[in-house]
Amino acid sequence: MIKVGEQMMEVREQTMEVVKNKAAAILKEEDGLGTLELILIIGVIIIIALIFKDQITRLITSLLSKVDTKSNEFFPGK
């Protein structure tokens, strides 16, 4: 019985060591987007939205009026 308990403790310690190593590897990994890249992408999207503000507004208004027309076809009287 004591051997089984010792083996379980050893397996647990090994598992914890593997988890620690994997966590450390993930934290050291430099793949993915950094904060600067995200800020630049968001900035570009905002600038594009400001440049095409009128066109985007017209497009959305047109789409919403079409949705309203189609919904009235499906649900007449409401």
N, C-alpha and C. Protein backbone atom coordinates (compact mmCIF):
# COMPACT_ATOMS: atom_id res chain seq x y z
N MET A 1 0.83 -1.19 0.00
CA MET A 1 0.00 0.00 0.00
C MET A 1 0.87 1.25 0.00
N ILE A 2 1.96 1.20 0.73
CA ILE A 2 2.85 2.36 0.79
C ILE A 2 3.48 2.60 -0.58
N LYS A 3 3.82 1.52 -1.30
CA LYS A 3 4.43 1.68 -2.62
C LYS A 3 3.47 2.35 -3.59
N VAL A 4 2.21 2.01 -3.52
CA VAL A 4 1.21 2.62 -4.41
C VAL A 4 1.11 4.11 -4.11
N GLY A 5 1.09 4.47 -2.87
CA GLY A 5 1.03 5.89 -2.48
C GLY A 5 2.26 6.64 -2.95
N GLU A 6 3.42 6.01 -2.81
CA GLU A 6 4.66 6.66 -3.27
C GLU A 6 4.67 6.82 -4.78
N GLN A 7 4.17 5.81 -5.47
CA GLN A 7 4.12 5.89 -6.93
C GLN A 7 3.16 6.99 -7.38
N MET A 8 2.03 7.11 -6.70
CA MET A 8 1.07 8.15 -7.04
C MET A 8 1.65 9.53 -6.81
N MET A 9 2.39 9.69 -5.74
CA MET A 9 3.03 10.97 -5.45
C MET A 9 4.07 11.30 -6.52
N GLU A 10 4.80 10.28 -6.95
CA GLU A 10 5.83 10.48 -7.97
C GLU A 10 5.19 10.86 -9.31
N VAL A 11 4.11 10.18 -9.66
CA VAL A 11 3.40 10.51 -10.90
C VAL A 11 2.84 11.92 -10.82
N ARG A 12 2.31 12.27 -9.66
CA ARG A 12 1.76 13.63 -9.48
C ARG A 12 2.85 14.67 -9.64
N GLU A 13 4.01 14.45 -9.05
CA GLU A 13 5.12 15.40 -9.16
C GLU A 13 5.59 15.52 -10.61
N GLN A 14 5.65 14.40 -11.30
CA GLN A 14 6.06 14.43 -12.71
C GLN A 14 5.03 15.20 -13.55
N THR A 15 3.78 14.97 -13.27
CA THR A 15 2.72 15.67 -14.00
C THR A 15 2.80 17.17 -13.74
N MET A 16 3.00 17.54 -12.50
CA MET A 16 3.12 18.96 -12.16
C MET A 16 4.33 19.58 -12.86
N GLU A 17 5.41 18.87 -12.96
CA GLU A 17 6.61 19.36 -13.63
C GLU A 17 6.35 19.58 -15.12
N VAL A 18 5.62 18.65 -15.74
CA VAL A 18 5.29 18.78 -17.16
C VAL A 18 4.38 19.99 -17.37
N VAL A 19 3.41 20.16 -16.51
CA VAL A 19 2.50 21.30 -16.62
C VAL A 19 3.26 22.61 -16.46
N LYS A 20 4.17 22.67 -15.50
CA LYS A 20 4.97 23.88 -15.29
C LYS A 20 5.81 24.19 -16.52
N ASN A 21 6.42 23.16 -17.10
CA ASN A 21 7.25 23.36 -18.29
C ASN A 21 6.42 23.85 -19.47
N LYS A 22 5.24 23.27 -19.66
CA LYS A 22 4.36 23.70 -20.75
C LYS A 22 3.91 25.14 -20.54
N ALA A 23 3.54 25.50 -19.32
CA ALA A 23 3.10 26.86 -19.03
C ALA A 23 4.24 27.85 -19.28
N ALA A 24 5.44 27.50 -18.87
CA ALA A 24 6.59 28.38 -19.10
C ALA A 24 6.86 28.53 -20.60
N ALA A 25 6.71 27.46 -21.36
CA ALA A 25 6.93 27.53 -22.81
C ALA A 25 5.89 28.43 -23.47
N ILE A 26 4.65 28.35 -23.01
CA ILE A 26 3.59 29.19 -23.59
C ILE A 26 3.87 30.66 -23.29
N LEU A 27 4.31 30.96 -22.07
CA LEU A 27 4.57 32.35 -21.70
C LEU A 27 5.77 32.92 -22.45
N LYS A 28 6.74 32.09 -22.78
CA LYS A 28 7.92 32.55 -23.50
C LYS A 28 7.67 32.68 -25.00
N GLU A 29 6.61 32.06 -25.50
CA GLU A 29 6.32 32.06 -26.92
C GLU A 29 6.02 33.47 -27.39
N GLU A 30 6.64 33.87 -28.50
CA GLU A 30 6.47 35.24 -28.99
C GLU A 30 5.62 35.29 -30.25
N ASP A 31 4.95 34.22 -30.58
CA ASP A 31 4.06 34.24 -31.73
C ASP A 31 2.79 34.99 -31.37
N GLY A 32 2.07 35.42 -32.39
CA GLY A 32 0.81 36.10 -32.15
C GLY A 32 0.97 37.60 -32.27
N LEU A 33 -0.11 38.29 -32.00
CA LEU A 33 -0.12 39.73 -32.14
C LEU A 33 0.23 40.41 -30.82
N GLY A 34 1.05 41.43 -30.94
CA GLY A 34 1.37 42.22 -29.77
C GLY A 34 0.42 43.39 -29.65
N THR A 35 0.56 44.14 -28.60
CA THR A 35 -0.32 45.27 -28.35
C THR A 35 -0.19 46.33 -29.43
N LEU A 36 1.04 46.61 -29.86
CA LEU A 36 1.25 47.64 -30.88
C LEU A 36 0.56 47.28 -32.19
N GLU A 37 0.67 46.02 -32.59
CA GLU A 37 0.03 45.59 -33.83
C GLU A 37 -1.48 45.74 -33.75
N LEU A 38 -2.06 45.37 -32.61
CA LEU A 38 -3.51 45.51 -32.43
C LEU A 38 -3.94 46.97 -32.48
N ILE A 39 -3.17 47.85 -31.86
CA ILE A 39 -3.50 49.27 -31.87
C ILE A 39 -3.43 49.82 -33.29
N LEU A 40 -2.42 49.41 -34.05
CA LEU A 40 -2.30 49.87 -35.43
C LEU A 40 -3.46 49.39 -36.30
N ILE A 41 -3.84 48.14 -36.14
CA ILE A 41 -4.97 47.59 -36.91
C ILE A 41 -6.25 48.32 -36.57
N ILE A 42 -6.51 48.53 -35.30
CA ILE A 42 -7.72 49.25 -34.88
C ILE A 42 -7.70 50.68 -35.42
N GLY A 43 -6.53 51.32 -35.38
CA GLY A 43 -6.41 52.67 -35.92
C GLY A 43 -6.73 52.74 -37.40
N VAL A 44 -6.21 51.78 -38.17
CA VAL A 44 -6.48 51.76 -39.60
C VAL A 44 -7.97 51.54 -39.86
N ILE A 45 -8.60 50.65 -39.11
CA ILE A 45 -10.04 50.41 -39.28
C ILE A 45 -10.84 51.68 -38.98
N ILE A 46 -10.47 52.40 -37.93
CA ILE A 46 -11.17 53.63 -37.59
C ILE A 46 -10.99 54.68 -38.68
N ILE A 47 -9.78 54.82 -39.21
CA ILE A 47 -9.53 55.79 -40.27
C ILE A 47 -10.34 55.45 -41.51
N ILE A 48 -10.38 54.18 -41.88
CA ILE A 48 -11.16 53.76 -43.05
C ILE A 48 -12.65 54.05 -42.81
N ALA A 49 -13.12 53.78 -41.60
CA ALA A 49 -14.53 54.04 -41.29
C ALA A 49 -14.83 55.53 -41.38
N LEU A 50 -13.92 56.38 -40.93
CA LEU A 50 -14.15 57.83 -41.01
C LEU A 50 -14.12 58.32 -42.45
N ILE A 51 -13.24 57.76 -43.27
CA ILE A 51 -13.15 58.17 -44.67
C ILE A 51 -14.43 57.80 -45.42
N PHE A 52 -14.93 56.60 -45.17
CA PHE A 52 -16.10 56.11 -45.90
C PHE A 52 -17.37 56.20 -45.07
N LYS A 53 -17.43 57.14 -44.14
CA LYS A 53 -18.57 57.27 -43.23
C LYS A 53 -19.89 57.42 -43.97
N ASP A 54 -19.94 58.32 -44.95
CA ASP A 54 -21.19 58.56 -45.68
C ASP A 54 -21.63 57.33 -46.46
N GLN A 55 -20.68 56.67 -47.13
CA GLN A 55 -21.02 55.48 -47.90
C GLN A 55 -21.50 54.36 -47.00
N ILE A 56 -20.86 54.20 -45.85
CA ILE A 56 -21.26 53.14 -44.90
C ILE A 56 -22.66 53.43 -44.37
N THR A 57 -22.94 54.71 -44.05
CA THR A 57 -24.26 55.09 -43.54
C THR A 57 -25.34 54.81 -44.58
N ARG A 58 -25.07 55.17 -45.85
CA ARG A 58 -26.05 54.91 -46.91
C ARG A 58 -26.28 53.41 -47.08
N LEU A 59 -25.21 52.63 -47.04
CA LEU A 59 -25.32 51.18 -47.21
C LEU A 59 -26.16 50.57 -46.09
N ILE A 60 -25.88 50.94 -44.86
CA ILE A 60 -26.62 50.39 -43.72
C ILE A 60 -28.08 50.81 -43.77
N THR A 61 -28.34 52.07 -44.11
CA THR A 61 -29.72 52.55 -44.23
C THR A 61 -30.47 51.76 -45.30
N SER A 62 -29.82 51.55 -46.43
CA SER A 62 -30.43 50.78 -47.51
C SER A 62 -30.73 49.35 -47.07
N LEU A 63 -29.77 48.72 -46.42
CA LEU A 63 -29.96 47.34 -45.96
C LEU A 63 -31.09 47.23 -44.95
N LEU A 64 -31.15 48.18 -44.03
CA LEU A 64 -32.20 48.15 -43.01
C LEU A 64 -33.58 48.38 -43.62
N SER A 65 -33.68 49.24 -44.63
CA SER A 65 -34.98 49.45 -45.26
C SER A 65 -35.41 48.20 -46.02
N LYS A 66 -34.44 47.50 -46.62
CA LYS A 66 -34.77 46.25 -47.30
C LYS A 66 -35.23 45.19 -46.31
N VAL A 67 -34.59 45.14 -45.16
CA VAL A 67 -34.99 44.19 -44.12
C VAL A 67 -36.40 44.51 -43.65
N ASP A 68 -36.69 45.78 -43.47
CA ASP A 68 -38.04 46.19 -43.03
C ASP A 68 -39.08 45.79 -44.08
N THR A 69 -38.78 46.01 -45.35
CA THR A 69 -39.71 45.65 -46.42
C THR A 69 -39.94 44.14 -46.45
N LYS A 70 -38.87 43.37 -46.37
CA LYS A 70 -39.00 41.91 -46.40
C LYS A 70 -39.74 41.39 -45.17
N SER A 71 -39.48 41.97 -44.01
CA SER A 71 -40.18 41.51 -42.80
C SER A 71 -41.66 41.82 -42.89
N ASN A 72 -42.01 42.92 -43.52
CA ASN A 72 -43.44 43.24 -43.70
C ASN A 72 -44.10 42.23 -44.63
N GLU A 73 -43.34 41.68 -45.60
CA GLU A 73 -43.89 40.66 -46.48
C GLU A 73 -44.18 39.38 -45.70
N PHE A 74 -43.30 39.03 -44.77
CA PHE A 74 -43.49 37.81 -43.99
C PHE A 74 -44.52 37.96 -42.90
N PHE A 75 -44.59 39.14 -42.33
CA PHE A 75 -45.51 39.40 -41.21
C PHE A 75 -46.43 40.56 -41.55
N PRO A 76 -47.38 40.37 -42.45
CA PRO A 76 -48.27 41.49 -42.81
C PRO A 76 -49.18 41.86 -41.65
N GLY A 77 -49.46 43.13 -41.56
CA GLY A 77 -50.37 43.60 -40.52
C GLY A 77 -49.68 43.99 -39.23
N LYS A 78 -48.38 43.83 -39.13
CA LYS A 78 -47.68 44.22 -37.90
C LYS A 78 -46.90 45.49 -38.12
